[in-house]
Amino acid sequence: MLVTVVFTWSEVRLSAVKGVDRNLRALYKGRRRLFGRDSGWDENIIGALGEDAVAKHLDRYPSRGPELDYEGDVGHVQVRATTHPLGRLIVKREDADGAAFVLARVTEPVVVLVGWLYGHEAKRDQWWEPTAHSPAYFVPEHALRPMDGLPPTL
């Protein structure tokens, strides 16, 4: 079951500022762009909106430390956000097998939480795409677990 999270425009602004801050930190530290694209601005803002939508849905604060939180975007939940209406869940080979990954589709001020899988469930040969900007597993929507099954203790 899909979950729709509707933000106020003030909430969208806070997420956007978080995304801008994240991109500035990455530029300052000389980190390469996500998925081989030319600009990380959009990716970081969309990612922040997705994370904040999951946090709002779970009634939890998103991670907001000075560095990116590699333990998880919201608790131990990893959020993968996209603006593509048919976007798939992207999981990298090096991503944690035991982490939960949530697919968020963003059309601000609305974010649809499509579903989730554990990392090990997403790493199927049939979903591996080596020719993508950055090789990864691209999991289709129909293979995701419903959001109401996301364990609350993650």
N, C-alpha and C. Protein backbone atom coordinates (compact mmCIF):
# COMPACT_ATOMS: atom_id res chain seq x y z
N MET A 1 0.83 -1.18 0.00
CA MET A 1 0.00 0.00 0.00
C MET A 1 0.88 1.25 0.00
N LEU A 2 0.61 2.14 -0.92
CA LEU A 2 1.34 3.40 -1.01
C LEU A 2 0.94 4.33 0.12
N VAL A 3 1.89 5.13 0.57
CA VAL A 3 1.62 6.13 1.61
C VAL A 3 1.91 7.49 1.01
N THR A 4 0.95 8.40 1.12
CA THR A 4 1.13 9.75 0.62
C THR A 4 1.39 10.69 1.79
N VAL A 5 2.49 11.44 1.68
CA VAL A 5 2.86 12.43 2.69
C VAL A 5 2.77 13.80 2.03
N VAL A 6 1.97 14.68 2.62
CA VAL A 6 1.81 16.03 2.08
C VAL A 6 2.51 17.01 3.02
N PHE A 7 3.41 17.78 2.44
CA PHE A 7 4.15 18.79 3.19
C PHE A 7 3.49 20.15 3.04
N THR A 8 3.67 20.99 4.04
CA THR A 8 3.37 22.41 3.87
C THR A 8 4.55 22.98 3.07
N TRP A 9 4.37 24.16 2.49
CA TRP A 9 5.48 24.76 1.76
C TRP A 9 6.60 25.15 2.70
N SER A 10 6.30 25.44 3.94
CA SER A 10 7.36 25.70 4.92
C SER A 10 8.20 24.46 5.17
N GLU A 11 7.55 23.30 5.22
CA GLU A 11 8.28 22.04 5.38
C GLU A 11 9.14 21.74 4.15
N VAL A 12 8.61 22.03 2.96
CA VAL A 12 9.38 21.85 1.73
C VAL A 12 10.63 22.71 1.80
N ARG A 13 10.49 23.95 2.24
CA ARG A 13 11.63 24.86 2.35
C ARG A 13 12.69 24.31 3.30
N LEU A 14 12.28 23.80 4.46
CA LEU A 14 13.24 23.24 5.41
C LEU A 14 14.00 22.06 4.81
N SER A 15 13.29 21.20 4.09
CA SER A 15 13.95 20.07 3.43
C SER A 15 14.91 20.55 2.35
N ALA A 16 14.50 21.58 1.60
CA ALA A 16 15.36 22.11 0.55
C ALA A 16 16.64 22.70 1.13
N VAL A 17 16.52 23.41 2.23
CA VAL A 17 17.71 23.97 2.88
C VAL A 17 18.63 22.84 3.34
N LYS A 18 18.06 21.78 3.88
CA LYS A 18 18.86 20.62 4.29
C LYS A 18 19.60 20.04 3.09
N GLY A 19 18.93 19.94 1.95
CA GLY A 19 19.57 19.42 0.74
C GLY A 19 20.68 20.32 0.23
N VAL A 20 20.46 21.63 0.27
CA VAL A 20 21.50 22.58 -0.15
C VAL A 20 22.71 22.47 0.76
N ASP A 21 22.49 22.39 2.07
CA ASP A 21 23.60 22.24 3.01
C ASP A 21 24.39 20.96 2.73
N ARG A 22 23.69 19.89 2.45
CA ARG A 22 24.34 18.61 2.15
C ARG A 22 25.21 18.74 0.90
N ASN A 23 24.69 19.41 -0.12
CA ASN A 23 25.46 19.55 -1.36
C ASN A 23 26.70 20.42 -1.14
N LEU A 24 26.54 21.48 -0.37
CA LEU A 24 27.69 22.34 -0.07
C LEU A 24 28.78 21.57 0.67
N ARG A 25 28.40 20.73 1.65
CA ARG A 25 29.39 19.91 2.37
C ARG A 25 30.11 18.98 1.40
N ALA A 26 29.36 18.37 0.49
CA ALA A 26 29.97 17.45 -0.48
C ALA A 26 30.95 18.19 -1.39
N LEU A 27 30.56 19.36 -1.87
CA LEU A 27 31.46 20.14 -2.72
C LEU A 27 32.72 20.54 -1.97
N TYR A 28 32.55 21.00 -0.74
CA TYR A 28 33.67 21.43 0.08
C TYR A 28 34.66 20.28 0.30
N LYS A 29 34.13 19.08 0.50
CA LYS A 29 34.99 17.93 0.76
C LYS A 29 35.47 17.24 -0.52
N GLY A 30 35.08 17.77 -1.69
CA GLY A 30 35.54 17.21 -2.95
C GLY A 30 34.93 15.88 -3.30
N ARG A 31 33.75 15.58 -2.75
CA ARG A 31 33.09 14.30 -3.06
C ARG A 31 32.54 14.33 -4.48
N ARG A 32 32.59 13.17 -5.13
CA ARG A 32 32.06 13.07 -6.49
C ARG A 32 30.54 13.11 -6.44
N ARG A 33 29.95 13.43 -7.55
CA ARG A 33 28.50 13.52 -7.66
C ARG A 33 27.87 12.14 -7.55
N LEU A 34 26.64 12.12 -7.04
CA LEU A 34 25.89 10.87 -6.95
C LEU A 34 25.51 10.39 -8.34
N PHE A 35 25.66 9.12 -8.58
CA PHE A 35 25.22 8.46 -9.80
C PHE A 35 25.80 9.09 -11.06
N GLY A 36 26.96 9.73 -10.94
CA GLY A 36 27.69 10.22 -12.10
C GLY A 36 27.08 11.40 -12.82
N ARG A 37 26.12 12.07 -12.23
CA ARG A 37 25.49 13.22 -12.89
C ARG A 37 26.33 14.47 -12.70
N ASP A 38 26.01 15.51 -13.47
CA ASP A 38 26.78 16.74 -13.43
C ASP A 38 26.54 17.57 -12.18
N SER A 39 25.35 17.55 -11.63
CA SER A 39 25.04 18.42 -10.51
C SER A 39 24.38 17.61 -9.40
N GLY A 40 24.75 17.90 -8.17
CA GLY A 40 24.16 17.21 -7.05
C GLY A 40 23.08 18.00 -6.34
N TRP A 41 22.84 19.25 -6.78
CA TRP A 41 21.87 20.10 -6.08
C TRP A 41 20.50 19.45 -6.03
N ASP A 42 19.95 19.11 -7.20
CA ASP A 42 18.62 18.51 -7.24
C ASP A 42 18.58 17.20 -6.46
N GLU A 43 19.59 16.36 -6.65
CA GLU A 43 19.61 15.06 -5.96
C GLU A 43 19.55 15.23 -4.45
N ASN A 44 20.31 16.19 -3.93
CA ASN A 44 20.34 16.37 -2.49
C ASN A 44 19.05 16.96 -1.94
N ILE A 45 18.42 17.86 -2.68
CA ILE A 45 17.14 18.43 -2.24
C ILE A 45 16.04 17.38 -2.31
N ILE A 46 15.98 16.64 -3.41
CA ILE A 46 14.97 15.58 -3.55
C ILE A 46 15.20 14.51 -2.49
N GLY A 47 16.46 14.16 -2.24
CA GLY A 47 16.77 13.18 -1.20
C GLY A 47 16.32 13.63 0.17
N ALA A 48 16.54 14.90 0.48
CA ALA A 48 16.12 15.44 1.78
C ALA A 48 14.59 15.40 1.91
N LEU A 49 13.89 15.72 0.83
CA LEU A 49 12.42 15.65 0.87
C LEU A 49 11.95 14.22 1.12
N GLY A 50 12.59 13.26 0.46
CA GLY A 50 12.23 11.85 0.67
C GLY A 50 12.47 11.41 2.09
N GLU A 51 13.64 11.77 2.63
CA GLU A 51 13.96 11.42 4.02
C GLU A 51 12.97 12.04 5.00
N ASP A 52 12.67 13.30 4.79
CA ASP A 52 11.75 13.98 5.70
C ASP A 52 10.34 13.41 5.60
N ALA A 53 9.97 12.92 4.43
CA ALA A 53 8.65 12.27 4.28
C ALA A 53 8.59 10.97 5.07
N VAL A 54 9.66 10.18 5.00
CA VAL A 54 9.70 8.95 5.77
C VAL A 54 9.69 9.28 7.27
N ALA A 55 10.46 10.29 7.68
CA ALA A 55 10.48 10.69 9.09
C ALA A 55 9.09 11.13 9.55
N LYS A 56 8.41 11.90 8.71
CA LYS A 56 7.06 12.37 9.07
C LYS A 56 6.10 11.19 9.17
N HIS A 57 6.19 10.26 8.23
CA HIS A 57 5.32 9.08 8.24
C HIS A 57 5.56 8.23 9.50
N LEU A 58 6.83 8.06 9.87
CA LEU A 58 7.17 7.24 11.03
C LEU A 58 7.11 8.01 12.35
N ASP A 59 6.82 9.33 12.26
CA ASP A 59 6.78 10.20 13.42
C ASP A 59 8.12 10.18 14.15
N ARG A 60 9.21 10.29 13.34
CA ARG A 60 10.58 10.30 13.88
C ARG A 60 11.34 11.46 13.27
N TYR A 61 12.27 11.97 14.00
CA TYR A 61 13.12 13.02 13.46
C TYR A 61 14.11 12.42 12.49
N PRO A 62 14.34 13.07 11.35
CA PRO A 62 15.38 12.58 10.44
C PRO A 62 16.76 12.88 11.03
N SER A 63 17.76 12.17 10.52
CA SER A 63 19.13 12.43 10.96
C SER A 63 19.53 13.81 10.49
N ARG A 64 20.09 14.64 11.39
CA ARG A 64 20.43 16.01 11.03
C ARG A 64 21.81 16.42 11.55
N GLY A 65 22.74 15.48 11.64
CA GLY A 65 24.08 15.81 12.11
C GLY A 65 24.84 16.63 11.08
N PRO A 66 26.04 17.08 11.46
CA PRO A 66 26.84 17.90 10.54
C PRO A 66 27.38 17.10 9.36
N GLU A 67 27.43 15.80 9.47
CA GLU A 67 27.89 14.95 8.37
C GLU A 67 26.73 14.07 7.92
N LEU A 68 26.87 13.52 6.72
CA LEU A 68 25.86 12.56 6.27
C LEU A 68 25.85 11.39 7.23
N ASP A 69 24.68 10.87 7.56
CA ASP A 69 24.53 9.79 8.51
C ASP A 69 24.49 8.48 7.74
N TYR A 70 25.58 7.74 7.75
CA TYR A 70 25.63 6.51 6.99
C TYR A 70 25.04 5.33 7.74
N GLU A 71 24.59 5.54 8.96
CA GLU A 71 23.85 4.49 9.66
C GLU A 71 22.43 4.41 9.13
N GLY A 72 21.94 5.50 8.58
CA GLY A 72 20.59 5.53 8.04
C GLY A 72 20.11 6.95 7.92
N ASP A 73 19.18 7.15 7.01
CA ASP A 73 18.64 8.48 6.79
C ASP A 73 17.61 8.85 7.84
N VAL A 74 16.84 7.87 8.29
CA VAL A 74 15.85 8.05 9.35
C VAL A 74 15.99 6.83 10.25
N GLY A 75 16.66 7.00 11.37
CA GLY A 75 17.01 5.84 12.18
C GLY A 75 17.95 4.96 11.38
N HIS A 76 17.59 3.71 11.20
CA HIS A 76 18.39 2.81 10.38
C HIS A 76 17.74 2.54 9.03
N VAL A 77 16.83 3.39 8.63
CA VAL A 77 16.15 3.26 7.34
C VAL A 77 16.88 4.13 6.31
N GLN A 78 17.18 3.54 5.16
CA GLN A 78 17.78 4.28 4.05
C GLN A 78 16.65 4.69 3.11
N VAL A 79 16.69 5.93 2.65
CA VAL A 79 15.64 6.44 1.76
C VAL A 79 16.26 6.73 0.40
N ARG A 80 15.61 6.25 -0.65
CA ARG A 80 16.03 6.52 -2.01
C ARG A 80 14.89 7.27 -2.69
N ALA A 81 15.15 8.51 -3.04
CA ALA A 81 14.10 9.39 -3.57
C ALA A 81 14.34 9.67 -5.04
N THR A 82 13.24 9.86 -5.76
CA THR A 82 13.28 10.15 -7.19
C THR A 82 12.12 11.05 -7.56
N THR A 83 12.27 11.79 -8.65
CA THR A 83 11.15 12.56 -9.19
C THR A 83 10.52 11.85 -10.38
N HIS A 84 11.10 10.74 -10.79
CA HIS A 84 10.58 9.99 -11.93
C HIS A 84 9.29 9.28 -11.52
N PRO A 85 8.21 9.44 -12.29
CA PRO A 85 6.93 8.83 -11.89
C PRO A 85 6.96 7.30 -11.87
N LEU A 86 7.88 6.69 -12.57
CA LEU A 86 8.02 5.23 -12.54
C LEU A 86 9.36 4.81 -11.96
N GLY A 87 9.97 5.71 -11.20
CA GLY A 87 11.29 5.45 -10.62
C GLY A 87 11.30 4.19 -9.78
N ARG A 88 12.45 3.51 -9.82
CA ARG A 88 12.62 2.26 -9.08
C ARG A 88 13.52 2.48 -7.87
N LEU A 89 13.48 1.54 -6.95
CA LEU A 89 14.35 1.57 -5.78
C LEU A 89 15.77 1.22 -6.22
N ILE A 90 16.72 2.09 -5.92
CA ILE A 90 18.11 1.87 -6.30
C ILE A 90 18.90 1.44 -5.07
N VAL A 91 19.54 0.29 -5.18
CA VAL A 91 20.38 -0.24 -4.11
C VAL A 91 21.73 -0.58 -4.71
N LYS A 92 22.78 -0.08 -4.07
CA LYS A 92 24.14 -0.31 -4.55
C LYS A 92 24.68 -1.63 -4.01
N ARG A 93 25.64 -2.18 -4.71
CA ARG A 93 26.25 -3.45 -4.31
C ARG A 93 26.81 -3.37 -2.88
N GLU A 94 27.39 -2.21 -2.53
CA GLU A 94 28.03 -2.06 -1.22
C GLU A 94 27.05 -1.67 -0.11
N ASP A 95 25.79 -1.45 -0.43
CA ASP A 95 24.81 -1.11 0.59
C ASP A 95 24.60 -2.28 1.56
N ALA A 96 24.27 -1.94 2.79
CA ALA A 96 24.12 -2.95 3.84
C ALA A 96 22.98 -3.92 3.54
N ASP A 97 23.26 -5.19 3.67
CA ASP A 97 22.26 -6.22 3.39
C ASP A 97 21.09 -6.17 4.37
N GLY A 98 21.36 -5.81 5.64
CA GLY A 98 20.32 -5.82 6.66
C GLY A 98 19.56 -4.52 6.81
N ALA A 99 19.94 -3.50 6.04
CA ALA A 99 19.25 -2.21 6.13
C ALA A 99 17.94 -2.26 5.35
N ALA A 100 16.98 -1.47 5.79
CA ALA A 100 15.72 -1.31 5.07
C ALA A 100 15.87 -0.11 4.13
N PHE A 101 15.46 -0.28 2.87
CA PHE A 101 15.54 0.77 1.86
C PHE A 101 14.12 1.11 1.41
N VAL A 102 13.77 2.40 1.49
CA VAL A 102 12.44 2.88 1.12
C VAL A 102 12.53 3.68 -0.17
N LEU A 103 11.60 3.45 -1.09
CA LEU A 103 11.49 4.24 -2.31
C LEU A 103 10.48 5.35 -2.10
N ALA A 104 10.95 6.60 -2.31
CA ALA A 104 10.08 7.78 -2.18
C ALA A 104 10.04 8.49 -3.53
N ARG A 105 8.84 8.73 -4.05
CA ARG A 105 8.66 9.49 -5.29
C ARG A 105 8.18 10.89 -4.92
N VAL A 106 8.96 11.88 -5.35
CA VAL A 106 8.76 13.25 -4.91
C VAL A 106 8.15 14.09 -6.03
N THR A 107 7.03 14.73 -5.75
CA THR A 107 6.43 15.78 -6.60
C THR A 107 5.94 16.84 -5.62
N GLU A 108 6.90 17.63 -5.15
CA GLU A 108 6.63 18.56 -4.06
C GLU A 108 5.38 19.40 -4.31
N PRO A 109 4.54 19.55 -3.29
CA PRO A 109 4.77 19.26 -1.87
C PRO A 109 4.32 17.86 -1.45
N VAL A 110 4.16 16.95 -2.40
CA VAL A 110 3.68 15.61 -2.09
C VAL A 110 4.81 14.60 -2.32
N VAL A 111 4.94 13.68 -1.38
CA VAL A 111 5.90 12.58 -1.53
C VAL A 111 5.12 11.28 -1.32
N VAL A 112 5.25 10.37 -2.28
CA VAL A 112 4.61 9.07 -2.17
C VAL A 112 5.66 8.05 -1.76
N LEU A 113 5.43 7.40 -0.64
CA LEU A 113 6.30 6.32 -0.17
C LEU A 113 5.77 5.03 -0.79
N VAL A 114 6.53 4.51 -1.73
CA VAL A 114 6.07 3.42 -2.59
C VAL A 114 6.16 2.07 -1.90
N GLY A 115 7.24 1.83 -1.19
CA GLY A 115 7.45 0.55 -0.54
C GLY A 115 8.90 0.41 -0.12
N TRP A 116 9.24 -0.78 0.35
CA TRP A 116 10.59 -0.98 0.89
C TRP A 116 11.02 -2.42 0.74
N LEU A 117 12.33 -2.63 0.87
CA LEU A 117 12.94 -3.96 0.93
C LEU A 117 14.20 -3.88 1.78
N TYR A 118 14.59 -5.01 2.33
CA TYR A 118 15.92 -5.10 2.94
C TYR A 118 16.94 -5.16 1.81
N GLY A 119 18.16 -4.70 2.11
CA GLY A 119 19.21 -4.69 1.10
C GLY A 119 19.44 -6.04 0.45
N HIS A 120 19.48 -7.11 1.22
CA HIS A 120 19.74 -8.44 0.66
C HIS A 120 18.61 -8.88 -0.26
N GLU A 121 17.39 -8.42 -0.02
CA GLU A 121 16.27 -8.77 -0.89
C GLU A 121 16.34 -8.04 -2.23
N ALA A 122 16.93 -6.85 -2.21
CA ALA A 122 17.02 -6.03 -3.42
C ALA A 122 18.14 -6.47 -4.35
N LYS A 123 19.10 -7.21 -3.82
CA LYS A 123 20.30 -7.57 -4.59
C LYS A 123 20.10 -8.88 -5.36
N ARG A 124 19.21 -8.80 -6.33
CA ARG A 124 18.95 -9.94 -7.21
C ARG A 124 19.59 -9.67 -8.56
N ASP A 125 20.15 -10.72 -9.13
CA ASP A 125 20.83 -10.58 -10.42
C ASP A 125 19.92 -9.96 -11.49
N GLN A 126 18.65 -10.31 -11.48
CA GLN A 126 17.73 -9.81 -12.51
C GLN A 126 17.53 -8.29 -12.44
N TRP A 127 17.84 -7.67 -11.31
CA TRP A 127 17.67 -6.22 -11.16
C TRP A 127 18.98 -5.45 -11.31
N TRP A 128 20.08 -6.16 -11.51
CA TRP A 128 21.38 -5.51 -11.65
C TRP A 128 21.47 -4.83 -13.01
N GLU A 129 21.86 -3.56 -13.01
CA GLU A 129 22.03 -2.81 -14.26
C GLU A 129 23.43 -2.20 -14.27
N PRO A 130 24.37 -2.89 -14.97
CA PRO A 130 25.75 -2.41 -15.00
C PRO A 130 25.95 -1.21 -15.91
N THR A 131 25.00 -0.92 -16.77
CA THR A 131 25.15 0.18 -17.72
C THR A 131 24.55 1.48 -17.23
N ALA A 132 23.99 1.48 -16.04
CA ALA A 132 23.43 2.71 -15.49
C ALA A 132 24.55 3.70 -15.21
N HIS A 133 24.19 4.98 -14.94
CA HIS A 133 25.19 6.00 -14.60
C HIS A 133 26.15 5.47 -13.53
N SER A 134 25.58 4.77 -12.59
CA SER A 134 26.35 4.15 -11.53
C SER A 134 25.74 2.76 -11.34
N PRO A 135 26.47 1.71 -11.66
CA PRO A 135 25.89 0.36 -11.59
C PRO A 135 25.21 0.10 -10.26
N ALA A 136 24.02 -0.49 -10.32
CA ALA A 136 23.24 -0.73 -9.11
C ALA A 136 22.12 -1.70 -9.42
N TYR A 137 21.43 -2.09 -8.36
CA TYR A 137 20.20 -2.88 -8.49
C TYR A 137 19.05 -1.90 -8.59
N PHE A 138 18.19 -2.07 -9.59
CA PHE A 138 17.04 -1.20 -9.80
C PHE A 138 15.79 -2.06 -9.60
N VAL A 139 15.19 -1.93 -8.42
CA VAL A 139 14.08 -2.80 -8.02
C VAL A 139 12.75 -2.19 -8.47
N PRO A 140 11.93 -2.96 -9.22
CA PRO A 140 10.63 -2.43 -9.66
C PRO A 140 9.63 -2.34 -8.51
N GLU A 141 8.67 -1.47 -8.70
CA GLU A 141 7.65 -1.22 -7.67
C GLU A 141 6.94 -2.49 -7.23
N HIS A 142 6.60 -3.35 -8.18
CA HIS A 142 5.80 -4.54 -7.84
C HIS A 142 6.54 -5.50 -6.90
N ALA A 143 7.86 -5.36 -6.77
CA ALA A 143 8.64 -6.25 -5.92
C ALA A 143 8.81 -5.72 -4.49
N LEU A 144 8.35 -4.50 -4.24
CA LEU A 144 8.54 -3.88 -2.93
C LEU A 144 7.50 -4.34 -1.92
N ARG A 145 7.90 -4.35 -0.67
CA ARG A 145 6.97 -4.63 0.43
C ARG A 145 6.14 -3.36 0.68
N PRO A 146 4.92 -3.51 1.17
CA PRO A 146 4.11 -2.32 1.48
C PRO A 146 4.68 -1.58 2.69
N MET A 147 4.46 -0.28 2.70
CA MET A 147 5.00 0.56 3.77
C MET A 147 4.47 0.18 5.15
N ASP A 148 3.25 -0.33 5.22
CA ASP A 148 2.72 -0.67 6.54
C ASP A 148 3.45 -1.87 7.16
N GLY A 149 4.32 -2.53 6.41
CA GLY A 149 5.10 -3.63 6.94
C GLY A 149 6.50 -3.23 7.39
N LEU A 150 6.84 -1.95 7.27
CA LEU A 150 8.16 -1.48 7.69
C LEU A 150 8.24 -1.59 9.21
N PRO A 151 9.18 -2.39 9.73
CA PRO A 151 9.26 -2.56 11.19
C PRO A 151 9.48 -1.23 11.91
N PRO A 152 8.71 -0.95 12.94
CA PRO A 152 8.81 0.33 13.64
C PRO A 152 10.09 0.49 14.44
N THR A 153 10.81 -0.61 14.68
CA THR A 153 12.02 -0.53 15.49
C THR A 153 13.26 -0.19 14.67
N LEU A 154 13.12 -0.04 13.37
CA LEU A 154 14.30 0.28 12.54
C LEU A 154 14.73 1.70 12.75
